[in-house]
N, C-alpha and C. Protein backbone atom coordinates (compact mmCIF):
# COMPACT_ATOMS: atom_id res chain seq x y z
N MET A 1 -10.56 -15.81 -0.13
CA MET A 1 -10.98 -16.83 -1.13
C MET A 1 -11.01 -18.28 -0.43
N ASN A 2 -12.25 -18.96 -0.58
CA ASN A 2 -12.52 -20.17 0.09
C ASN A 2 -11.61 -21.22 -0.54
N GLY A 3 -10.87 -22.02 0.34
CA GLY A 3 -10.14 -23.13 -0.09
C GLY A 3 -8.84 -22.78 -0.76
N ILE A 4 -8.36 -21.69 -0.67
CA ILE A 4 -6.82 -21.43 -0.91
C ILE A 4 -6.04 -21.23 0.31
N ASP A 5 -5.04 -21.95 0.27
CA ASP A 5 -4.27 -22.02 1.19
C ASP A 5 -3.02 -20.78 1.19
N PHE A 6 -2.49 -20.66 0.06
CA PHE A 6 -1.39 -19.51 -0.14
C PHE A 6 -1.72 -18.90 -1.50
N PHE A 7 -1.37 -17.54 -1.48
CA PHE A 7 -1.00 -16.95 -2.79
C PHE A 7 0.47 -16.81 -2.99
N VAL A 8 1.02 -17.26 -4.17
CA VAL A 8 2.43 -17.50 -4.41
C VAL A 8 2.91 -16.44 -5.61
N ASP A 9 3.99 -15.99 -5.18
CA ASP A 9 4.85 -15.02 -6.21
C ASP A 9 5.33 -15.95 -7.29
N SER A 10 5.73 -15.16 -8.37
CA SER A 10 6.11 -15.79 -9.61
C SER A 10 7.44 -16.73 -9.37
N ASN A 11 8.25 -16.13 -8.47
CA ASN A 11 9.55 -17.06 -8.18
C ASN A 11 9.27 -18.34 -7.59
N ILE A 12 8.36 -18.52 -6.72
CA ILE A 12 7.93 -19.90 -6.24
C ILE A 12 7.41 -20.73 -7.35
N LEU A 13 6.71 -20.23 -8.23
CA LEU A 13 6.18 -21.03 -9.34
C LEU A 13 7.33 -21.47 -10.24
N ILE A 14 8.38 -20.64 -10.37
CA ILE A 14 9.60 -20.89 -11.18
C ILE A 14 10.33 -22.01 -10.43
N TYR A 15 10.33 -21.88 -9.09
CA TYR A 15 11.20 -23.01 -8.37
C TYR A 15 10.42 -24.36 -8.39
N MET A 16 8.99 -24.20 -8.54
CA MET A 16 8.22 -25.41 -8.66
C MET A 16 8.50 -26.09 -10.09
N LEU A 17 8.54 -25.09 -11.00
CA LEU A 17 8.75 -25.74 -12.30
C LEU A 17 10.10 -26.38 -12.57
N GLU A 18 11.11 -25.84 -11.72
CA GLU A 18 12.58 -26.39 -11.82
C GLU A 18 12.68 -27.48 -10.80
N ARG A 19 11.54 -28.03 -10.16
CA ARG A 19 11.42 -29.10 -9.20
C ARG A 19 12.55 -28.88 -8.17
N HIS A 20 12.64 -27.61 -7.67
CA HIS A 20 13.58 -27.27 -6.53
C HIS A 20 13.12 -27.94 -5.33
N PRO A 21 14.02 -28.66 -4.63
CA PRO A 21 13.54 -29.47 -3.39
C PRO A 21 12.93 -28.45 -2.24
N ALA A 22 13.30 -27.15 -2.38
CA ALA A 22 12.89 -26.29 -1.20
C ALA A 22 11.50 -25.99 -1.35
N VAL A 23 10.72 -26.24 -2.53
CA VAL A 23 9.35 -25.87 -2.59
C VAL A 23 8.65 -27.23 -2.94
N SER A 24 8.93 -28.35 -2.71
CA SER A 24 8.46 -29.70 -3.05
C SER A 24 7.17 -29.91 -2.34
N THR A 25 6.94 -29.18 -1.23
CA THR A 25 5.65 -29.45 -0.45
C THR A 25 4.55 -28.40 -0.91
N MET A 26 4.94 -27.41 -1.73
CA MET A 26 3.96 -26.38 -2.24
C MET A 26 2.74 -27.20 -3.02
N SER A 27 2.95 -28.04 -3.74
CA SER A 27 1.98 -28.73 -4.57
C SER A 27 0.89 -29.38 -3.70
N GLN A 28 1.16 -29.60 -2.44
CA GLN A 28 0.35 -30.12 -1.64
C GLN A 28 -0.78 -29.15 -1.14
N PHE A 29 -0.67 -27.97 -1.49
CA PHE A 29 -1.52 -26.85 -0.97
C PHE A 29 -2.31 -26.31 -2.19
N SER A 30 -3.42 -25.70 -1.87
CA SER A 30 -4.40 -24.93 -2.88
C SER A 30 -3.62 -23.63 -2.93
N LEU A 31 -3.34 -23.32 -4.12
CA LEU A 31 -2.59 -22.12 -4.48
C LEU A 31 -3.30 -21.13 -5.53
N ALA A 32 -3.04 -19.96 -5.17
CA ALA A 32 -3.41 -18.63 -6.21
C ALA A 32 -2.46 -17.94 -6.52
N VAL A 33 -2.52 -17.43 -7.81
CA VAL A 33 -1.52 -16.49 -8.33
C VAL A 33 -2.26 -15.29 -9.11
N SER A 34 -1.41 -14.24 -9.11
CA SER A 34 -1.82 -13.13 -9.90
C SER A 34 -1.80 -13.43 -11.42
N VAL A 35 -2.74 -12.58 -12.17
CA VAL A 35 -2.54 -12.62 -13.55
C VAL A 35 -1.12 -12.10 -14.01
N ILE A 36 -0.67 -11.34 -13.20
CA ILE A 36 0.75 -10.78 -13.40
C ILE A 36 1.85 -11.85 -13.51
N THR A 37 1.59 -12.89 -12.57
CA THR A 37 2.51 -14.16 -12.56
C THR A 37 2.31 -14.79 -13.81
N GLU A 38 1.16 -15.06 -14.39
CA GLU A 38 0.82 -15.68 -15.61
C GLU A 38 1.54 -15.01 -16.63
N ILE A 39 1.45 -13.61 -16.80
CA ILE A 39 2.04 -12.93 -17.81
C ILE A 39 3.60 -13.02 -17.84
N GLU A 40 4.18 -12.95 -16.47
CA GLU A 40 5.58 -13.12 -16.35
C GLU A 40 6.19 -14.41 -16.83
N LEU A 41 5.54 -15.43 -16.45
CA LEU A 41 5.97 -16.76 -16.82
C LEU A 41 5.83 -17.17 -18.36
N LEU A 42 4.46 -16.81 -18.77
CA LEU A 42 4.31 -17.08 -20.20
C LEU A 42 4.87 -16.04 -21.26
N GLY A 43 5.26 -14.91 -20.73
CA GLY A 43 5.74 -13.88 -21.54
C GLY A 43 7.34 -13.90 -21.64
N LYS A 44 8.03 -15.06 -21.38
CA LYS A 44 9.43 -15.10 -21.37
C LYS A 44 9.84 -15.09 -22.80
N LYS A 45 10.85 -14.18 -23.08
CA LYS A 45 11.37 -14.17 -24.37
C LYS A 45 11.87 -15.55 -24.95
N ASN A 46 11.69 -15.91 -26.11
CA ASN A 46 12.02 -17.24 -26.68
C ASN A 46 11.57 -18.40 -26.05
N ILE A 47 10.42 -18.23 -25.34
CA ILE A 47 9.89 -19.53 -24.66
C ILE A 47 9.50 -20.61 -25.79
N THR A 48 9.85 -21.74 -25.40
CA THR A 48 9.68 -22.97 -26.35
C THR A 48 8.22 -23.40 -25.94
N LEU A 49 7.64 -24.24 -26.99
CA LEU A 49 6.23 -24.80 -26.84
C LEU A 49 6.22 -25.69 -25.62
N HIS A 50 7.26 -26.36 -25.35
CA HIS A 50 7.24 -27.26 -24.22
C HIS A 50 7.25 -26.52 -22.90
N GLU A 51 8.08 -25.52 -22.95
CA GLU A 51 8.02 -24.58 -21.68
C GLU A 51 6.65 -24.06 -21.46
N ALA A 52 6.07 -23.52 -22.44
CA ALA A 52 4.68 -22.85 -22.32
C ALA A 52 3.65 -24.00 -21.89
N ASN A 53 3.73 -25.11 -22.36
CA ASN A 53 2.86 -26.22 -22.02
C ASN A 53 3.09 -26.55 -20.62
N THR A 54 4.35 -26.69 -20.04
CA THR A 54 4.74 -26.91 -18.70
C THR A 54 4.24 -25.97 -17.85
N ILE A 55 4.27 -24.51 -18.14
CA ILE A 55 3.79 -23.55 -17.38
C ILE A 55 2.38 -23.49 -17.19
N ARG A 56 1.64 -23.76 -18.43
CA ARG A 56 0.24 -23.91 -18.36
C ARG A 56 -0.25 -24.93 -17.47
N GLY A 57 0.48 -26.03 -17.49
CA GLY A 57 0.03 -27.17 -16.73
C GLY A 57 0.09 -26.87 -15.23
N ILE A 58 1.15 -26.29 -14.86
CA ILE A 58 1.26 -25.74 -13.35
C ILE A 58 0.16 -24.75 -12.92
N LEU A 59 0.02 -23.82 -14.08
CA LEU A 59 -1.11 -22.86 -13.75
C LEU A 59 -2.46 -23.24 -13.72
N LYS A 60 -2.71 -24.48 -14.34
CA LYS A 60 -3.92 -25.10 -14.20
C LYS A 60 -4.41 -25.45 -12.73
N GLY A 61 -3.37 -25.82 -12.07
CA GLY A 61 -3.49 -26.20 -10.65
C GLY A 61 -3.58 -25.02 -9.65
N CYS A 62 -3.56 -23.84 -10.16
CA CYS A 62 -3.74 -22.65 -9.49
C CYS A 62 -4.97 -21.90 -9.81
N GLU A 63 -5.55 -21.13 -8.79
CA GLU A 63 -6.58 -20.16 -9.04
C GLU A 63 -5.84 -18.89 -9.47
N ILE A 64 -6.14 -18.35 -10.72
CA ILE A 64 -5.50 -17.16 -11.33
C ILE A 64 -6.45 -16.08 -11.06
N ILE A 65 -5.94 -14.89 -10.35
CA ILE A 65 -6.77 -13.96 -9.88
C ILE A 65 -6.42 -12.72 -10.88
N ASP A 66 -7.55 -12.26 -11.52
CA ASP A 66 -7.45 -11.16 -12.34
C ASP A 66 -7.20 -9.77 -11.63
N PHE A 67 -6.81 -8.78 -12.40
CA PHE A 67 -6.83 -7.46 -12.03
C PHE A 67 -7.93 -6.78 -11.60
N SER A 68 -8.25 -5.94 -10.63
CA SER A 68 -9.54 -5.38 -10.37
C SER A 68 -9.33 -3.93 -9.87
N ASP A 69 -10.24 -2.99 -9.82
CA ASP A 69 -10.08 -1.78 -9.17
C ASP A 69 -9.64 -1.84 -7.91
N THR A 70 -10.08 -2.73 -6.95
CA THR A 70 -9.68 -2.81 -5.69
C THR A 70 -8.19 -3.17 -5.54
N ILE A 71 -7.87 -4.06 -6.29
CA ILE A 71 -6.35 -4.53 -6.22
C ILE A 71 -5.58 -3.14 -6.87
N LYS A 72 -6.11 -2.37 -7.76
CA LYS A 72 -5.27 -1.26 -8.30
C LYS A 72 -5.19 -0.22 -7.08
N GLU A 73 -6.12 0.03 -6.33
CA GLU A 73 -6.13 0.99 -5.31
C GLU A 73 -5.19 0.52 -4.16
N ILE A 74 -5.05 -0.68 -3.83
CA ILE A 74 -4.21 -1.15 -2.80
C ILE A 74 -2.78 -1.13 -3.45
N ALA A 75 -2.60 -1.50 -4.55
CA ALA A 75 -1.26 -1.36 -5.35
C ALA A 75 -0.62 -0.03 -5.27
N ILE A 76 -1.62 0.98 -5.48
CA ILE A 76 -1.19 2.43 -5.58
C ILE A 76 -0.77 2.74 -4.09
N SER A 77 -1.53 2.32 -3.09
CA SER A 77 -1.17 2.67 -1.70
C SER A 77 0.08 2.14 -1.44
N ILE A 78 0.35 0.98 -1.92
CA ILE A 78 1.75 0.26 -1.50
C ILE A 78 2.79 0.93 -2.23
N LYS A 79 2.67 1.39 -3.47
CA LYS A 79 3.66 2.04 -4.16
C LYS A 79 3.94 3.37 -3.59
N GLN A 80 2.94 4.02 -3.03
CA GLN A 80 3.10 5.29 -2.25
C GLN A 80 3.86 5.28 -0.98
N LYS A 81 3.85 4.02 -0.35
CA LYS A 81 4.50 3.93 0.81
C LYS A 81 5.92 3.12 0.67
N TYR A 82 6.03 2.50 -0.11
CA TYR A 82 7.23 1.56 -0.31
C TYR A 82 7.87 1.58 -1.78
N THR A 83 9.23 1.52 -1.81
CA THR A 83 9.80 1.44 -3.11
C THR A 83 9.82 0.06 -3.57
N VAL A 84 8.79 -0.26 -4.31
CA VAL A 84 8.82 -1.76 -5.04
C VAL A 84 8.42 -1.50 -6.51
N LYS A 85 8.70 -2.49 -7.26
CA LYS A 85 8.39 -2.55 -8.53
C LYS A 85 6.71 -2.80 -8.76
N ILE A 86 6.27 -2.26 -9.86
CA ILE A 86 4.87 -2.24 -10.05
C ILE A 86 4.20 -3.68 -10.14
N PRO A 87 4.94 -4.54 -10.74
CA PRO A 87 4.34 -6.01 -10.60
C PRO A 87 4.32 -6.58 -9.19
N ASP A 88 5.45 -6.16 -8.35
CA ASP A 88 5.53 -6.58 -7.05
C ASP A 88 4.32 -5.97 -6.15
N ALA A 89 4.04 -4.70 -6.37
CA ALA A 89 3.05 -4.00 -5.83
C ALA A 89 1.65 -4.70 -6.05
N ILE A 90 1.53 -5.08 -7.34
CA ILE A 90 0.24 -5.63 -7.82
C ILE A 90 0.18 -7.09 -7.22
N ILE A 91 1.13 -7.89 -7.19
CA ILE A 91 1.07 -9.17 -6.47
C ILE A 91 0.76 -9.05 -5.02
N VAL A 92 1.49 -8.29 -4.27
CA VAL A 92 1.34 -8.03 -2.90
C VAL A 92 -0.28 -7.54 -2.79
N ALA A 93 -0.72 -6.62 -3.51
CA ALA A 93 -2.07 -6.09 -3.33
C ALA A 93 -3.10 -7.23 -3.56
N THR A 94 -2.92 -7.90 -4.47
CA THR A 94 -3.74 -9.03 -4.81
C THR A 94 -3.87 -10.13 -3.54
N ALA A 95 -2.82 -10.36 -3.06
CA ALA A 95 -2.90 -11.28 -1.74
C ALA A 95 -3.54 -10.56 -0.67
N LYS A 96 -3.29 -9.34 -0.51
CA LYS A 96 -3.83 -8.55 0.51
C LYS A 96 -5.30 -8.36 0.25
N CYS A 97 -5.71 -8.07 -0.93
CA CYS A 97 -7.20 -7.93 -1.35
C CYS A 97 -8.06 -9.15 -0.92
N PHE A 98 -7.46 -10.39 -1.05
CA PHE A 98 -8.18 -11.61 -0.87
C PHE A 98 -7.66 -12.27 0.62
N ASN A 99 -7.00 -11.37 1.21
CA ASN A 99 -6.58 -11.96 2.65
C ASN A 99 -5.89 -13.21 2.59
N LEU A 100 -4.93 -13.47 1.84
CA LEU A 100 -4.18 -14.59 1.66
C LEU A 100 -2.70 -14.26 2.00
N PRO A 101 -2.12 -15.31 2.54
CA PRO A 101 -0.64 -15.21 2.83
C PRO A 101 0.07 -15.30 1.61
N LEU A 102 1.05 -14.31 1.37
CA LEU A 102 1.91 -14.30 0.09
C LEU A 102 3.18 -15.09 0.42
N VAL A 103 3.55 -16.18 -0.40
CA VAL A 103 4.71 -16.77 -0.24
C VAL A 103 5.67 -16.41 -1.41
N THR A 104 6.84 -15.96 -1.14
CA THR A 104 7.66 -15.42 -2.00
C THR A 104 9.25 -15.74 -1.72
N ALA A 105 10.08 -15.72 -2.48
CA ALA A 105 11.54 -15.71 -2.31
C ALA A 105 12.10 -14.29 -2.48
N ASP A 106 11.28 -13.31 -2.63
CA ASP A 106 11.86 -11.92 -3.00
C ASP A 106 11.97 -11.19 -1.65
N MET A 107 13.29 -11.00 -1.24
CA MET A 107 13.62 -10.34 0.00
C MET A 107 13.13 -8.92 0.12
N ASP A 108 13.21 -8.30 -1.18
CA ASP A 108 12.72 -6.95 -1.15
C ASP A 108 11.39 -6.72 -0.59
N LEU A 109 10.60 -7.59 -0.63
CA LEU A 109 9.09 -7.48 -0.24
C LEU A 109 9.11 -7.49 1.32
N LYS A 110 10.12 -7.79 2.13
CA LYS A 110 10.11 -7.80 3.52
C LYS A 110 9.75 -6.49 4.11
N LYS A 111 10.05 -5.37 3.35
CA LYS A 111 9.76 -4.09 3.86
C LYS A 111 8.45 -3.69 3.86
N ILE A 112 7.52 -4.43 3.19
CA ILE A 112 6.11 -4.12 3.14
C ILE A 112 5.51 -4.74 4.45
N LYS A 113 5.14 -3.64 5.38
CA LYS A 113 4.59 -4.12 6.75
C LYS A 113 3.22 -4.41 6.84
N ASP A 114 2.38 -4.06 5.82
CA ASP A 114 0.99 -4.28 6.02
C ASP A 114 0.27 -5.18 5.18
N ALA A 115 1.06 -6.27 5.00
CA ALA A 115 0.62 -7.62 4.35
C ALA A 115 1.11 -8.73 4.95
N ASP A 116 0.46 -9.89 4.73
CA ASP A 116 0.81 -11.13 5.28
C ASP A 116 1.86 -11.92 4.48
N ILE A 117 3.04 -11.67 4.67
CA ILE A 117 4.22 -12.21 3.64
C ILE A 117 4.96 -13.22 4.44
N PHE A 118 5.16 -14.31 3.69
CA PHE A 118 6.15 -15.41 4.21
C PHE A 118 7.24 -15.61 3.04
N ALA A 119 8.36 -15.51 3.59
CA ALA A 119 9.49 -15.67 2.59
C ALA A 119 10.07 -16.96 2.71
N TYR A 120 10.60 -17.54 1.66
CA TYR A 120 11.37 -18.79 1.65
C TYR A 120 12.93 -18.33 1.74
N PHE A 121 13.53 -19.01 2.49
CA PHE A 121 15.10 -18.89 2.61
C PHE A 121 15.58 -20.31 2.30
N TRP A 122 16.71 -20.05 1.55
CA TRP A 122 17.43 -21.37 1.20
C TRP A 122 18.94 -21.33 1.95
N THR A 123 19.32 -22.47 2.45
CA THR A 123 20.54 -22.53 2.97
C THR A 123 21.48 -23.29 1.96
N ILE A 124 22.43 -22.85 1.33
CA ILE A 124 23.24 -23.71 0.46
C ILE A 124 24.23 -24.35 1.12
N PRO A 125 24.62 -25.55 0.84
CA PRO A 125 24.16 -26.49 -0.21
C PRO A 125 22.99 -27.29 0.17
N ALA A 126 22.47 -27.25 1.45
CA ALA A 126 21.59 -28.08 1.94
C ALA A 126 20.20 -27.97 1.32
N CYS A 127 19.80 -26.69 0.91
CA CYS A 127 18.57 -26.40 0.43
C CYS A 127 17.42 -26.46 1.44
N PHE A 128 17.92 -26.38 2.76
CA PHE A 128 16.90 -26.32 3.95
C PHE A 128 16.01 -25.15 3.69
N THR A 129 14.83 -25.25 3.78
CA THR A 129 13.80 -24.29 3.51
C THR A 129 12.79 -24.29 4.67
N HIS A 130 12.34 -23.11 5.17
CA HIS A 130 11.27 -22.89 6.16
C HIS A 130 10.62 -21.63 5.92
N TYR A 131 9.40 -21.51 6.50
CA TYR A 131 8.69 -20.24 6.37
C TYR A 131 9.26 -19.34 7.60
N TYR A 132 9.45 -18.12 7.31
CA TYR A 132 9.89 -17.08 8.07
C TYR A 132 8.82 -15.95 8.06
N PRO A 133 7.92 -15.70 9.09
CA PRO A 133 7.07 -14.85 9.07
C PRO A 133 7.76 -13.42 9.11
N ILE A 134 7.49 -12.73 7.97
CA ILE A 134 8.14 -11.44 8.02
C ILE A 134 7.17 -10.42 8.81
N GLN A 135 5.93 -10.42 8.40
CA GLN A 135 4.98 -9.55 8.93
C GLN A 135 3.68 -10.13 8.84
N THR A 136 2.87 -10.04 9.93
CA THR A 136 1.43 -10.51 9.85
C THR A 136 0.51 -9.34 10.19
N VAL A 137 -0.60 -9.36 9.54
CA VAL A 137 -1.46 -8.14 9.76
C VAL A 137 -2.29 -8.58 11.09
């Protein structure tokens, strides 16, 4: 996708919403997310109007990528190779489909070897963060 720097997992947007210092620089980049992330964030049980509006505000700054047959086929392939949850397989497949690096805090995704995945690590209490390339295609 032209102009998109990173594809971000739901957990990164959650940290952005919480204004976590570890992801403070992410807003400087052009970001894309899966429709799965939109559903996960806005589908929170007992979400308040304020929370929903805040989430919609941050999502407005992101390219939201819808589900497609190509993403479905890549997700099926990922599920066949690795033990991951369906939403995670779809998120990884979407990043892979558009050849975008996926930024996540989900360490379970490090086992997926055929995608460009970057994981955020935090060191408590300093909240020092850096990219750690897990695997690059």
